Amino acid sequence: MTKPIELYFWPTPNGWKIPIALEEMGLAYNVNPIDINKGDQFTEAYTQISPNGKIPAIVDPDGPDGEPIAIFESGAILQYLARKTGKFYGSSERDRIEIDQWLFWQVGGVGPMAGQAHHFLVYAPKFEPPQDLPYAKNRYRTEVARLYKVLDIQLAGKDYMCGAYSIADIATWGWVSLWRRQEQDIDALPNVKAWLERMKARPGVQAGRGLIAEKRGEANQKEVQASAMFDKPA
């Protein structure tokens, strides 16, 4: 009997990608919480699995040639799982090229830009002293808006980003679902708005999004100051 995949995870937009994929692909997995607020991601044991000290990561006991393999970086994990199962990665090389383009658009654009928007709009103002930086706030709010307009155009006439449901949708949904934190106008993006609802209705998305959801909350000033996630201003 195949052993379950070990998932190293915290409920963040990057973290959600992998349990959603595992649920959608019907793969068994065990959850290993990595509390990024307490610094679990920097422990020696975890960096043996994820050298960059970020979540998510997996260990698949049934890796290539039947040997275990550890994988970090959410995009690489999604590609691996899609190849392993033959699911959500198209049916032709042209399909896979399109999916890869939009997957890398997410990991190189949406994630970093939305993450910076969260930092400067939500967290930095809670530092002591507050780091309320209008230029940084506007810079990342504006770039997220540009990216979401690109997505709205791509979704015109489609149910999903590349036509059929794919790992590109799985990668992108979590970040875009937090549009309010990024101070975006979702009503100006009708295709994105419909896609968000379509994604939210999928049982696999619901299950992945709900994984240890009780651990996720809105940090107050004291929690931000204590969090291992942030370098504090000098």
Protein backbone atom coordinates (compact mmCIF):
# COMPACT_ATOMS: atom_id res chain seq x y z
CA MET A 1 0.00 0.00 0.00
CA THR A 2 1.35 3.45 -0.94
CA LYS A 3 2.26 5.58 2.06
CA PRO A 4 0.69 9.05 2.34
CA ILE A 5 2.57 12.16 1.28
CA GLU A 6 3.91 14.23 4.16
CA LEU A 7 2.71 17.83 3.80
CA TYR A 8 4.58 20.60 5.62
CA PHE A 9 2.12 23.44 5.77
CA TRP A 10 0.73 26.62 7.29
CA PRO A 11 -2.59 28.21 6.19
CA THR A 12 -1.32 30.94 3.87
CA PRO A 13 -2.01 31.61 0.18
CA ASN A 14 1.14 29.69 -0.79
CA GLY A 15 0.38 26.97 1.71
CA TRP A 16 -3.20 26.43 0.49
CA LYS A 17 -2.02 25.46 -2.99
CA ILE A 18 -0.74 22.04 -2.01
CA PRO A 19 -3.58 20.63 0.12
CA ILE A 20 -6.00 21.86 -2.56
CA ALA A 21 -4.00 19.95 -5.17
CA LEU A 22 -3.75 16.85 -2.98
CA GLU A 23 -7.51 16.92 -2.35
CA GLU A 24 -8.35 17.50 -6.02
CA MET A 25 -5.98 14.74 -7.13
CA GLY A 26 -7.24 12.24 -4.55
CA LEU A 27 -3.84 11.74 -2.91
CA ALA A 28 -3.53 10.68 0.73
CA TYR A 29 -1.46 12.95 2.94
CA ASN A 30 -0.46 13.69 6.52
CA VAL A 31 -0.33 17.27 7.78
CA ASN A 32 2.78 18.56 9.55
CA PRO A 33 2.03 22.14 10.73
CA ILE A 34 4.94 24.57 10.37
CA ASP A 35 4.11 27.63 12.47
CA ILE A 36 5.78 30.41 10.52
CA ASN A 37 4.94 32.96 13.21
CA LYS A 38 7.02 31.03 15.76
CA GLY A 39 9.89 30.33 13.35
CA ASP A 40 9.33 26.60 12.77
CA GLN A 41 10.39 27.15 9.14
CA PHE A 42 13.95 27.95 10.24
CA THR A 43 14.63 24.82 12.26
CA GLU A 44 17.42 22.54 11.10
CA ALA A 45 15.00 19.64 10.68
CA TYR A 46 12.73 21.64 8.38
CA THR A 47 15.48 23.25 6.30
CA GLN A 48 16.70 19.75 5.48
CA ILE A 49 13.39 19.45 3.60
CA SER A 50 12.97 23.07 2.47
CA PRO A 51 16.42 24.72 2.26
CA ASN A 52 14.93 28.18 1.71
CA GLY A 53 13.03 28.01 4.99
CA LYS A 54 9.61 28.60 3.44
CA ILE A 55 6.35 26.68 3.32
CA PRO A 56 4.94 24.58 1.75
CA ALA A 57 7.03 21.46 1.21
CA ILE A 58 6.29 17.77 0.79
CA VAL A 59 8.02 14.45 1.22
CA ASP A 60 6.66 11.76 -1.08
CA PRO A 61 7.65 8.28 0.12
CA ASP A 62 6.76 6.97 -3.35
CA GLY A 63 8.91 9.30 -5.42
CA PRO A 64 10.64 8.66 -8.75
CA ASP A 65 11.82 5.05 -9.08
CA GLY A 66 9.94 4.26 -5.88
CA GLU A 67 12.39 6.22 -3.72
CA PRO A 68 11.37 9.01 -1.30
CA ILE A 69 11.78 12.60 -2.45
CA ALA A 70 11.54 15.97 -0.66
CA ILE A 71 10.27 18.92 -2.72
CA PHE A 72 10.05 22.61 -1.84
CA GLU A 73 8.67 25.61 -3.79
CA SER A 74 4.93 25.50 -4.41
CA GLY A 75 5.16 25.70 -8.21
CA ALA A 76 7.61 22.80 -8.36
CA ILE A 77 5.39 20.75 -6.04
CA LEU A 78 2.33 21.41 -8.21
CA GLN A 79 4.17 20.37 -11.37
CA TYR A 80 5.44 17.22 -9.66
CA LEU A 81 2.00 16.21 -8.38
CA ALA A 82 0.41 16.92 -11.76
CA ARG A 83 2.98 14.72 -13.53
CA LYS A 84 2.64 12.04 -10.87
CA THR A 85 -1.14 11.80 -11.24
CA GLY A 86 -1.65 12.96 -14.82
CA LYS A 87 -4.25 15.44 -13.56
CA PHE A 88 -4.82 19.16 -14.12
CA TYR A 89 -1.86 19.55 -16.49
CA GLY A 90 -3.59 19.40 -19.86
CA SER A 91 -3.51 16.62 -22.42
CA SER A 92 -0.89 17.91 -24.84
CA GLU A 93 2.46 19.68 -24.82
CA ARG A 94 0.73 22.87 -25.98
CA ASP A 95 -1.62 22.61 -23.00
CA ARG A 96 1.30 22.17 -20.61
CA ILE A 97 3.15 25.15 -22.08
CA GLU A 98 0.13 27.38 -21.54
CA ILE A 99 -0.40 26.09 -18.00
CA ASP A 100 3.28 26.59 -17.17
CA GLN A 101 3.17 30.18 -18.42
CA TRP A 102 0.31 31.05 -16.09
CA LEU A 103 1.76 29.03 -13.21
CA PHE A 104 4.99 31.02 -13.45
CA TRP A 105 2.99 34.24 -13.86
CA GLN A 106 1.55 33.48 -10.46
CA VAL A 107 4.72 32.42 -8.66
CA GLY A 108 6.78 35.27 -10.18
CA GLY A 109 4.14 37.99 -10.14
CA VAL A 110 0.88 37.60 -8.26
CA GLY A 111 2.37 35.95 -5.18
CA PRO A 112 5.27 38.35 -4.62
CA MET A 113 3.29 41.49 -5.46
CA ALA A 114 0.21 40.54 -3.42
CA GLY A 115 2.49 39.43 -0.59
CA GLN A 116 4.16 42.85 -0.55
CA ALA A 117 0.72 44.48 -0.65
CA HIS A 118 -0.26 42.48 2.44
CA HIS A 119 2.97 43.48 4.16
CA PHE A 120 2.72 47.23 3.58
CA LEU A 121 -1.07 47.58 3.77
CA VAL A 122 -1.77 45.22 6.69
CA TYR A 123 1.33 44.43 8.74
CA ALA A 124 3.86 47.28 8.50
CA PRO A 125 1.43 49.87 9.96
CA LYS A 126 1.19 47.65 13.07
CA PHE A 127 4.93 47.82 13.80
CA GLU A 128 6.11 49.93 16.68
CA PRO A 129 6.89 52.54 15.54
CA PRO A 130 4.32 52.21 12.72
CA GLN A 131 5.74 51.86 9.21
CA ASP A 132 2.91 53.52 7.28
CA LEU A 133 4.55 54.15 3.92
CA PRO A 134 2.24 55.69 1.27
CA TYR A 135 4.66 55.09 -1.62
CA ALA A 136 5.07 51.38 -0.82
CA LYS A 137 1.35 50.93 -0.24
CA ASN A 138 0.44 52.53 -3.55
CA ARG A 139 3.25 50.74 -5.43
CA TYR A 140 2.04 47.26 -4.55
CA ARG A 141 -1.68 48.04 -4.58
CA THR A 142 -1.28 49.38 -8.13
CA GLU A 143 0.79 46.46 -9.39
CA VAL A 144 -1.69 43.93 -7.98
CA ALA A 145 -4.48 45.82 -9.78
CA ARG A 146 -2.53 45.57 -13.04
CA LEU A 147 -1.99 41.83 -12.62
CA TYR A 148 -5.65 41.22 -11.82
CA LYS A 149 -6.64 43.10 -14.96
CA VAL A 150 -4.38 40.72 -16.92
CA LEU A 151 -6.17 37.81 -15.25
CA ASP A 152 -9.60 39.27 -16.02
CA ILE A 153 -8.69 39.48 -19.71
CA GLN A 154 -7.34 35.93 -19.70
CA LEU A 155 -10.54 34.60 -18.13
CA ALA A 156 -12.85 36.16 -20.72
CA GLY A 157 -15.02 33.40 -22.16
CA LYS A 158 -13.37 30.73 -19.98
CA ASP A 159 -14.36 28.90 -16.83
CA TYR A 160 -10.72 28.56 -15.79
CA MET A 161 -7.45 30.28 -16.59
CA CYS A 162 -6.36 27.90 -19.36
CA GLY A 163 -9.82 26.69 -20.34
CA ALA A 164 -9.88 23.46 -18.36
CA TYR A 165 -9.18 23.44 -14.62
CA SER A 166 -5.44 23.22 -13.97
CA ILE A 167 -2.64 23.71 -11.48
CA ALA A 168 -2.48 27.34 -12.66
CA ASP A 169 -5.91 27.92 -11.09
CA ILE A 170 -4.86 26.09 -7.93
CA ALA A 171 -1.75 28.25 -7.64
CA THR A 172 -3.52 31.56 -8.23
CA TRP A 173 -6.79 31.27 -6.34
CA GLY A 174 -5.54 31.66 -2.78
CA TRP A 175 -3.82 34.98 -3.39
CA VAL A 176 -6.67 36.46 -5.42
CA SER A 177 -9.23 35.32 -2.83
CA LEU A 178 -7.65 37.86 -0.45
CA TRP A 179 -8.38 40.81 -2.76
CA ARG A 180 -9.89 42.82 0.09
CA ARG A 181 -6.57 42.82 1.99
CA GLN A 182 -4.92 44.06 -1.20
CA GLU A 183 -7.52 46.88 -1.48
CA GLN A 184 -8.78 45.81 -4.90
CA ASP A 185 -12.10 46.56 -6.60
CA ILE A 186 -13.40 43.10 -7.51
CA ASP A 187 -16.54 44.53 -9.11
CA ALA A 188 -14.33 46.05 -11.82
CA LEU A 189 -13.14 42.50 -12.66
CA PRO A 190 -16.28 40.52 -13.57
CA ASN A 191 -14.44 37.52 -15.00
CA VAL A 192 -12.17 37.27 -11.96
CA LYS A 193 -15.16 37.64 -9.64
CA ALA A 194 -17.03 34.78 -11.36
CA TRP A 195 -13.89 32.62 -11.35
CA LEU A 196 -13.38 33.18 -7.63
CA GLU A 197 -16.90 31.93 -6.94
CA ARG A 198 -16.42 28.97 -9.29
CA MET A 199 -13.22 28.02 -7.50
CA LYS A 200 -14.72 28.51 -4.04
CA ALA A 201 -17.52 26.06 -4.90
CA ARG A 202 -15.10 23.18 -5.60
CA PRO A 203 -15.01 20.66 -2.70
CA GLY A 204 -11.25 20.21 -3.06
CA VAL A 205 -10.70 23.95 -2.74
CA GLN A 206 -12.94 24.09 0.30
CA ALA A 207 -11.12 21.19 1.97
CA GLY A 208 -7.67 22.59 1.25
CA ARG A 209 -8.62 26.10 2.33
CA GLY A 210 -10.14 24.76 5.52
CA LEU A 211 -7.07 22.82 6.65
CA ILE A 212 -6.09 23.99 10.16
CA ALA A 213 -7.98 27.19 9.32
CA GLU A 214 -8.37 27.90 13.03
CA LYS A 215 -4.65 28.72 13.13
CA ARG A 216 -5.12 31.66 10.77
CA GLY A 217 -6.26 34.96 12.18
CA GLU A 218 -5.75 38.70 11.88
CA ALA A 219 -2.57 39.56 13.75
CA ASN A 220 -2.67 42.40 16.26
CA GLN A 221 0.21 44.76 16.98
CA LYS A 222 1.70 42.55 19.70
CA GLU A 223 1.58 39.46 17.48
CA VAL A 224 3.19 41.31 14.58
CA GLN A 225 6.02 42.49 16.84
CA ALA A 226 6.61 38.93 18.06
CA SER A 227 6.28 37.20 14.70
CA ALA A 228 9.30 35.45 13.20
CA MET A 229 7.90 36.37 9.77
CA PHE A 230 9.08 39.97 9.89
CA ASP A 231 12.37 41.79 10.14
CA LYS A 232 11.67 44.75 12.35
CA PRO A 233 12.72 48.28 11.36
CA ALA A 234 15.95 49.47 12.98
